[in-house]
Amino acid sequence: MAKLHDFGAKARSKNAGPFWVTIDVFCNSATAFEALCPRIQNTVVADLFKVDPSSLKRFEIAALNVIKISVPRPTVQGSRFDRDMHGAQAAVLLNELDLPA
């Protein structure tokens, strides 16, 4: 199985308000972008983040070679149960996800 970096890509995540986290997958070329789009499946990402697939939002921005994925936060940002105030840890999960070669 391959990882994101095998396709010339890197994921970064950030807070997208008190209820969402956004993960951006930056591809270093149009070829990498085209190769990754079908390999990052919404159902797999939803399972990874333990959210309902219908709540996942995905945008493929070919002009920028970016795949943007937003998922609901497991708890409201800043609550005492929030373990990732800035949403920065979500990218690690996607960076380490096994993708079909």
Protein backbone atom coordinates (compact mmCIF):
# COMPACT_ATOMS: atom_id res chain seq x y z
CA MET A 1 0.00 0.00 0.00
CA ALA A 2 1.09 3.56 -0.69
CA LYS A 3 0.95 6.72 1.42
CA LEU A 4 0.22 10.30 0.37
CA HIS A 5 3.91 11.17 0.10
CA ASP A 6 4.36 8.36 -2.43
CA PHE A 7 2.17 10.41 -4.78
CA GLY A 8 4.00 13.67 -4.15
CA ALA A 9 1.40 15.02 -1.74
CA LYS A 10 1.20 16.29 1.83
CA ALA A 11 -1.83 16.85 4.05
CA ARG A 12 -2.25 19.72 6.49
CA SER A 13 -5.24 20.29 8.73
CA LYS A 14 -6.65 23.27 10.54
CA ASN A 15 -9.55 24.44 12.56
CA ALA A 16 -12.50 25.48 10.42
CA GLY A 17 -14.66 26.92 13.15
CA PRO A 18 -16.00 25.41 16.35
CA PHE A 19 -17.71 22.51 14.58
CA TRP A 20 -15.42 21.54 11.66
CA VAL A 21 -11.85 20.54 10.83
CA THR A 22 -10.51 20.93 7.29
CA ILE A 23 -7.75 18.80 5.81
CA ASP A 24 -6.00 20.09 2.69
CA VAL A 25 -4.06 17.64 0.52
CA PHE A 26 -1.48 19.57 -1.48
CA CYS A 27 -0.19 17.77 -4.58
CA ASN A 28 3.08 18.86 -6.14
CA SER A 29 1.79 18.35 -9.71
CA ALA A 30 -1.33 17.88 -11.79
CA THR A 31 -0.26 14.27 -12.35
CA ALA A 32 -0.16 13.63 -8.60
CA PHE A 33 -3.53 15.33 -8.18
CA GLU A 34 -5.13 13.17 -10.89
CA ALA A 35 -3.60 10.03 -9.40
CA LEU A 36 -4.76 10.80 -5.85
CA CYS A 37 -8.34 11.95 -6.42
CA PRO A 38 -9.80 8.48 -7.04
CA ARG A 39 -7.60 6.84 -4.37
CA ILE A 40 -8.81 8.99 -1.48
CA GLN A 41 -12.30 7.60 -1.07
CA ASN A 42 -14.89 9.45 0.98
CA THR A 43 -16.11 6.32 2.77
CA VAL A 44 -12.57 5.45 3.87
CA VAL A 45 -11.91 9.01 5.09
CA ALA A 46 -15.25 9.09 6.93
CA ASP A 47 -14.38 5.79 8.61
CA LEU A 48 -10.93 7.09 9.52
CA PHE A 49 -12.43 10.12 11.28
CA LYS A 50 -15.42 8.17 12.60
CA VAL A 51 -18.02 10.39 10.96
CA ASP A 52 -21.06 9.68 8.81
CA PRO A 53 -19.96 9.74 5.13
CA SER A 54 -22.87 12.03 4.29
CA SER A 55 -21.49 14.70 6.66
CA LEU A 56 -18.07 14.78 4.96
CA LYS A 57 -17.49 17.69 2.57
CA ARG A 58 -15.00 17.33 -0.27
CA PHE A 59 -13.73 19.79 -2.84
CA GLU A 60 -11.27 18.94 -5.61
CA ILE A 61 -9.57 22.11 -6.84
CA ALA A 62 -7.69 21.11 -10.00
CA ALA A 63 -6.37 24.61 -10.69
CA LEU A 64 -4.45 24.44 -7.39
CA ASN A 65 -3.82 20.66 -7.29
CA VAL A 66 -5.57 20.54 -3.90
CA ILE A 67 -8.12 18.18 -2.39
CA LYS A 68 -9.97 19.82 0.50
CA ILE A 69 -11.87 17.61 2.95
CA SER A 70 -13.91 18.93 5.87
CA VAL A 71 -15.23 16.72 8.66
CA PRO A 72 -17.31 17.57 11.71
CA ARG A 73 -15.31 17.88 14.91
CA PRO A 74 -15.91 15.07 17.41
CA THR A 75 -16.66 17.72 20.05
CA VAL A 76 -17.14 21.46 20.01
CA GLN A 77 -13.86 23.36 19.81
CA GLY A 78 -12.67 24.58 23.18
CA SER A 79 -14.90 22.31 25.23
CA ARG A 80 -13.21 20.46 28.05
CA PHE A 81 -13.35 17.28 25.95
CA ASP A 82 -11.62 18.86 22.94
CA ARG A 83 -8.27 17.11 22.40
CA ASP A 84 -7.13 19.14 19.38
CA MET A 85 -8.07 22.80 19.75
CA HIS A 86 -6.47 23.84 16.44
CA GLY A 87 -7.38 20.77 14.37
CA ALA A 88 -3.72 20.24 13.48
CA GLN A 89 -3.57 16.55 14.40
CA ALA A 90 -6.11 15.38 11.81
CA ALA A 91 -3.59 15.62 8.98
CA VAL A 92 -1.40 12.96 10.57
CA LEU A 93 -4.15 10.39 10.16
CA LEU A 94 -4.60 11.19 6.48
CA ASN A 95 -0.84 11.33 5.82
CA GLU A 96 -0.50 7.80 7.24
CA LEU A 97 -3.57 6.36 5.50
CA ASP A 98 -2.84 3.35 3.27
CA LEU A 99 -3.94 4.09 -0.29
CA PRO A 100 -4.30 1.65 -3.16
CA ALA A 101 -1.25 1.88 -5.43
